[in-house]
N, C-alpha and C. Protein backbone atom coordinates (compact mmCIF):
# COMPACT_ATOMS: atom_id res chain seq x y z
N MET A 1 23.01 0.60 15.07
CA MET A 1 23.00 1.19 13.75
C MET A 1 24.29 0.80 13.05
N ALA A 2 24.19 0.22 11.90
CA ALA A 2 25.34 -0.18 11.11
C ALA A 2 25.70 0.93 10.14
N GLN A 3 26.98 1.06 9.85
CA GLN A 3 27.41 2.09 8.92
C GLN A 3 28.33 1.48 7.88
N LYS A 4 28.04 1.79 6.62
CA LYS A 4 28.84 1.26 5.54
C LYS A 4 28.93 2.32 4.45
N CYS A 5 30.13 2.61 4.01
CA CYS A 5 30.35 3.58 2.93
C CYS A 5 29.72 4.94 3.25
N GLY A 6 29.74 5.36 4.48
CA GLY A 6 29.20 6.65 4.86
C GLY A 6 27.70 6.69 5.04
N LEU A 7 27.01 5.57 4.78
CA LEU A 7 25.57 5.52 4.97
C LEU A 7 25.25 4.77 6.26
N ALA A 8 24.25 5.23 6.95
CA ALA A 8 23.86 4.59 8.20
C ALA A 8 22.55 3.84 8.00
N TYR A 9 22.46 2.64 8.55
CA TYR A 9 21.23 1.85 8.50
C TYR A 9 20.72 1.70 9.92
N ASP A 10 19.55 2.18 10.15
CA ASP A 10 18.93 2.09 11.47
C ASP A 10 17.82 1.03 11.38
N ALA A 11 18.12 -0.15 11.92
CA ALA A 11 17.19 -1.28 11.82
C ALA A 11 15.85 -0.97 12.48
N GLU A 12 15.87 -0.27 13.58
CA GLU A 12 14.64 0.05 14.28
C GLU A 12 13.78 1.02 13.47
N ALA A 13 14.41 2.00 12.85
CA ALA A 13 13.68 2.96 12.01
C ALA A 13 13.12 2.26 10.77
N ALA A 14 13.89 1.32 10.22
CA ALA A 14 13.42 0.57 9.04
C ALA A 14 12.19 -0.26 9.42
N LYS A 15 12.25 -0.93 10.55
CA LYS A 15 11.12 -1.74 10.99
C LYS A 15 9.89 -0.86 11.22
N HIS A 16 10.09 0.28 11.84
CA HIS A 16 8.98 1.21 12.09
C HIS A 16 8.36 1.67 10.76
N GLY A 17 9.19 1.95 9.78
CA GLY A 17 8.70 2.38 8.48
C GLY A 17 7.86 1.31 7.80
N VAL A 18 8.30 0.06 7.88
CA VAL A 18 7.55 -1.04 7.26
C VAL A 18 6.24 -1.26 8.02
N GLU A 19 6.27 -1.16 9.34
CA GLU A 19 5.04 -1.29 10.13
C GLU A 19 4.03 -0.22 9.74
N LYS A 20 4.51 0.98 9.50
CA LYS A 20 3.64 2.08 9.12
C LYS A 20 2.96 1.79 7.76
N VAL A 21 3.73 1.28 6.80
CA VAL A 21 3.17 0.94 5.49
C VAL A 21 2.15 -0.19 5.64
N TRP A 22 2.46 -1.20 6.46
CA TRP A 22 1.55 -2.33 6.67
C TRP A 22 0.24 -1.84 7.29
N ASP A 23 0.34 -0.95 8.28
CA ASP A 23 -0.86 -0.39 8.91
C ASP A 23 -1.68 0.41 7.90
N GLN A 24 -1.01 1.15 7.04
CA GLN A 24 -1.69 1.93 6.01
C GLN A 24 -2.42 1.00 5.04
N LEU A 25 -1.80 -0.10 4.69
CA LEU A 25 -2.41 -1.06 3.78
C LEU A 25 -3.65 -1.70 4.42
N LYS A 26 -3.57 -2.04 5.71
CA LYS A 26 -4.72 -2.61 6.42
C LYS A 26 -5.86 -1.59 6.52
N HIS A 27 -5.51 -0.32 6.72
CA HIS A 27 -6.50 0.75 6.77
C HIS A 27 -7.21 0.89 5.42
N LEU A 28 -6.44 0.82 4.35
CA LEU A 28 -7.02 0.89 3.01
C LEU A 28 -7.99 -0.27 2.77
N GLU A 29 -7.59 -1.45 3.20
CA GLU A 29 -8.43 -2.63 3.05
C GLU A 29 -9.77 -2.43 3.76
N ALA A 30 -9.74 -1.85 4.96
CA ALA A 30 -10.97 -1.59 5.71
C ALA A 30 -11.82 -0.50 5.04
N LEU A 31 -11.16 0.50 4.45
CA LEU A 31 -11.89 1.58 3.78
C LEU A 31 -12.74 1.09 2.61
N VAL A 32 -12.23 0.10 1.88
CA VAL A 32 -12.94 -0.35 0.68
C VAL A 32 -13.76 -1.63 0.90
N ALA A 33 -13.84 -2.07 2.14
CA ALA A 33 -14.62 -3.27 2.45
C ALA A 33 -16.10 -3.01 2.18
N GLY A 34 -16.77 -4.02 1.68
CA GLY A 34 -18.20 -3.90 1.39
C GLY A 34 -18.45 -2.98 0.21
N GLU A 35 -19.43 -2.11 0.35
CA GLU A 35 -19.77 -1.13 -0.69
C GLU A 35 -19.61 0.27 -0.10
N PRO A 36 -18.40 0.80 -0.08
CA PRO A 36 -18.15 2.10 0.55
C PRO A 36 -18.77 3.26 -0.24
N ALA A 37 -19.00 4.34 0.47
CA ALA A 37 -19.52 5.56 -0.16
C ALA A 37 -18.45 6.13 -1.10
N PRO A 38 -18.87 6.89 -2.11
CA PRO A 38 -17.92 7.45 -3.07
C PRO A 38 -16.79 8.27 -2.43
N ASP A 39 -17.10 9.00 -1.34
CA ASP A 39 -16.05 9.78 -0.69
C ASP A 39 -14.99 8.88 -0.05
N LYS A 40 -15.40 7.70 0.42
CA LYS A 40 -14.44 6.74 0.99
C LYS A 40 -13.56 6.14 -0.11
N VAL A 41 -14.17 5.90 -1.27
CA VAL A 41 -13.41 5.37 -2.40
C VAL A 41 -12.37 6.40 -2.85
N HIS A 42 -12.79 7.66 -2.90
CA HIS A 42 -11.87 8.73 -3.29
C HIS A 42 -10.72 8.84 -2.29
N GLU A 43 -11.06 8.76 -1.01
CA GLU A 43 -10.03 8.81 0.05
C GLU A 43 -9.07 7.62 -0.08
N ALA A 44 -9.63 6.43 -0.33
CA ALA A 44 -8.80 5.24 -0.48
C ALA A 44 -7.87 5.36 -1.68
N ALA A 45 -8.36 5.89 -2.80
CA ALA A 45 -7.52 6.06 -3.98
C ALA A 45 -6.38 7.02 -3.69
N LYS A 46 -6.69 8.08 -2.97
CA LYS A 46 -5.65 9.06 -2.62
C LYS A 46 -4.59 8.41 -1.73
N LEU A 47 -5.03 7.66 -0.73
CA LEU A 47 -4.08 7.00 0.17
C LEU A 47 -3.28 5.92 -0.56
N TYR A 48 -3.92 5.21 -1.48
CA TYR A 48 -3.22 4.17 -2.24
C TYR A 48 -2.08 4.78 -3.05
N ARG A 49 -2.32 5.94 -3.64
CA ARG A 49 -1.28 6.63 -4.41
C ARG A 49 -0.09 7.03 -3.55
N GLU A 50 -0.30 7.12 -2.25
CA GLU A 50 0.78 7.49 -1.32
C GLU A 50 1.62 6.29 -0.87
N LEU A 51 1.19 5.07 -1.22
CA LEU A 51 1.99 3.89 -0.87
C LEU A 51 3.33 3.97 -1.61
N PRO A 52 4.37 3.41 -1.02
CA PRO A 52 5.69 3.45 -1.66
C PRO A 52 5.70 2.77 -3.03
N SER A 53 6.51 3.31 -3.91
CA SER A 53 6.66 2.72 -5.24
C SER A 53 7.92 1.84 -5.29
N TYR A 54 8.58 1.70 -4.17
CA TYR A 54 9.79 0.87 -4.09
C TYR A 54 9.48 -0.42 -3.34
N GLN A 55 10.36 -1.39 -3.49
CA GLN A 55 10.16 -2.67 -2.82
C GLN A 55 10.32 -2.51 -1.31
N ILE A 56 9.55 -3.28 -0.59
CA ILE A 56 9.53 -3.26 0.88
C ILE A 56 10.11 -4.57 1.39
N ASN A 57 10.92 -4.50 2.42
CA ASN A 57 11.44 -5.70 3.08
C ASN A 57 10.44 -6.11 4.16
N TRP A 58 9.41 -6.83 3.73
CA TRP A 58 8.32 -7.21 4.63
C TRP A 58 8.77 -8.13 5.75
N SER A 59 9.88 -8.82 5.57
CA SER A 59 10.35 -9.74 6.60
C SER A 59 10.68 -9.02 7.90
N LEU A 60 10.90 -7.71 7.84
CA LEU A 60 11.18 -6.94 9.05
C LEU A 60 10.03 -6.98 10.04
N VAL A 61 8.81 -7.19 9.52
CA VAL A 61 7.63 -7.23 10.40
C VAL A 61 6.95 -8.59 10.34
N GLY A 62 7.64 -9.59 9.79
CA GLY A 62 7.11 -10.95 9.77
C GLY A 62 5.97 -11.18 8.79
N VAL A 63 5.94 -10.41 7.71
CA VAL A 63 4.89 -10.54 6.70
C VAL A 63 5.52 -11.12 5.44
N ASN A 64 4.83 -12.06 4.83
CA ASN A 64 5.28 -12.65 3.58
C ASN A 64 5.11 -11.63 2.46
N GLU A 65 6.13 -11.47 1.64
CA GLU A 65 6.11 -10.48 0.55
C GLU A 65 4.94 -10.71 -0.40
N ALA A 66 4.69 -11.97 -0.75
CA ALA A 66 3.60 -12.29 -1.68
C ALA A 66 2.24 -11.95 -1.07
N ASP A 67 2.08 -12.17 0.24
CA ASP A 67 0.82 -11.85 0.90
C ASP A 67 0.59 -10.33 0.92
N ALA A 68 1.64 -9.58 1.18
CA ALA A 68 1.52 -8.12 1.20
C ALA A 68 1.17 -7.59 -0.19
N GLN A 69 1.83 -8.14 -1.22
CA GLN A 69 1.54 -7.69 -2.58
C GLN A 69 0.12 -8.07 -2.99
N LYS A 70 -0.33 -9.25 -2.59
CA LYS A 70 -1.70 -9.68 -2.90
C LYS A 70 -2.71 -8.75 -2.24
N LYS A 71 -2.45 -8.40 -0.99
CA LYS A 71 -3.35 -7.48 -0.28
C LYS A 71 -3.40 -6.13 -1.00
N ALA A 72 -2.24 -5.63 -1.41
CA ALA A 72 -2.19 -4.35 -2.12
C ALA A 72 -2.90 -4.45 -3.47
N ASP A 73 -2.70 -5.56 -4.18
CA ASP A 73 -3.35 -5.75 -5.48
C ASP A 73 -4.87 -5.85 -5.32
N ASP A 74 -5.32 -6.55 -4.29
CA ASP A 74 -6.76 -6.68 -4.03
C ASP A 74 -7.40 -5.32 -3.75
N VAL A 75 -6.72 -4.51 -2.93
CA VAL A 75 -7.21 -3.17 -2.62
C VAL A 75 -7.26 -2.33 -3.90
N ARG A 76 -6.18 -2.38 -4.68
CA ARG A 76 -6.12 -1.62 -5.93
C ARG A 76 -7.26 -2.03 -6.88
N ASP A 77 -7.45 -3.34 -7.02
CA ASP A 77 -8.50 -3.84 -7.91
C ASP A 77 -9.88 -3.38 -7.45
N LYS A 78 -10.10 -3.40 -6.15
CA LYS A 78 -11.40 -2.98 -5.60
C LYS A 78 -11.62 -1.48 -5.86
N ILE A 79 -10.59 -0.66 -5.63
CA ILE A 79 -10.71 0.78 -5.88
C ILE A 79 -10.98 1.03 -7.35
N ASN A 80 -10.23 0.38 -8.23
CA ASN A 80 -10.43 0.56 -9.67
C ASN A 80 -11.84 0.15 -10.09
N SER A 81 -12.32 -0.97 -9.54
CA SER A 81 -13.66 -1.46 -9.86
C SER A 81 -14.74 -0.48 -9.38
N LEU A 82 -14.59 0.00 -8.16
CA LEU A 82 -15.58 0.94 -7.61
C LEU A 82 -15.57 2.25 -8.40
N ASN A 83 -14.39 2.71 -8.80
CA ASN A 83 -14.32 3.93 -9.61
C ASN A 83 -14.99 3.73 -10.95
N GLN A 84 -14.80 2.57 -11.54
CA GLN A 84 -15.41 2.28 -12.83
C GLN A 84 -16.94 2.23 -12.71
N LYS A 85 -17.44 1.58 -11.64
CA LYS A 85 -18.89 1.51 -11.42
C LYS A 85 -19.49 2.90 -11.23
N ALA A 86 -18.72 3.79 -10.58
CA ALA A 86 -19.21 5.14 -10.31
C ALA A 86 -19.09 6.04 -11.54
N GLY A 87 -18.46 5.53 -12.60
CA GLY A 87 -18.31 6.32 -13.81
C GLY A 87 -17.16 7.31 -13.74
N ALA A 88 -16.27 7.11 -12.79
CA ALA A 88 -15.11 8.00 -12.68
C ALA A 88 -14.21 7.79 -13.88
N ASN A 89 -13.64 8.87 -14.38
CA ASN A 89 -12.79 8.76 -15.55
C ASN A 89 -11.31 8.91 -15.18
N SER A 90 -10.96 8.52 -13.97
CA SER A 90 -9.57 8.61 -13.54
C SER A 90 -8.77 7.44 -14.11
N ILE A 91 -7.48 7.64 -14.20
CA ILE A 91 -6.59 6.59 -14.68
C ILE A 91 -6.56 5.48 -13.63
N PRO A 92 -6.69 4.21 -14.04
CA PRO A 92 -6.63 3.11 -13.06
C PRO A 92 -5.32 3.12 -12.28
N LEU A 93 -5.39 2.74 -11.04
CA LEU A 93 -4.21 2.70 -10.19
C LEU A 93 -3.29 1.58 -10.63
N GLY A 94 -1.99 1.79 -10.51
CA GLY A 94 -1.00 0.78 -10.84
C GLY A 94 -0.63 -0.03 -9.60
N ARG A 95 0.30 -0.94 -9.75
CA ARG A 95 0.72 -1.79 -8.63
C ARG A 95 1.64 -1.02 -7.68
N ALA A 96 1.55 -1.34 -6.42
CA ALA A 96 2.38 -0.73 -5.40
C ALA A 96 3.65 -1.52 -5.17
N PHE A 97 4.58 -0.95 -4.47
CA PHE A 97 5.80 -1.59 -4.01
C PHE A 97 6.73 -2.06 -5.11
N GLY A 98 6.73 -1.37 -6.23
CA GLY A 98 7.66 -1.68 -7.31
C GLY A 98 7.37 -2.99 -8.01
N ALA A 99 6.17 -3.54 -7.87
CA ALA A 99 5.83 -4.81 -8.49
C ALA A 99 5.59 -4.61 -9.99
N HIS A 100 5.92 -5.63 -10.74
CA HIS A 100 5.72 -5.57 -12.21
C HIS A 100 4.70 -6.58 -12.63
């Protein structure tokens, strides 16, 4: 654990946190695969909103940043599309991980 200016950085905890987000993203991808039931779409939208809004250091788990963002964008687009088809009047989901 490195310490700088009174703050501690735990590399192992950081890696674990990124792995958890990556697993959550893969789970979301599986939830919206094919033509999921409306309750699965609702669950996926809820879980997507829980993804971090800050940038992730994907290199900690050997994932390319662009690939992770593309996966998140694809999941978001699928959820938004399914909600629109179902006639849901919810606000479309925004981009995850602080992307602009």
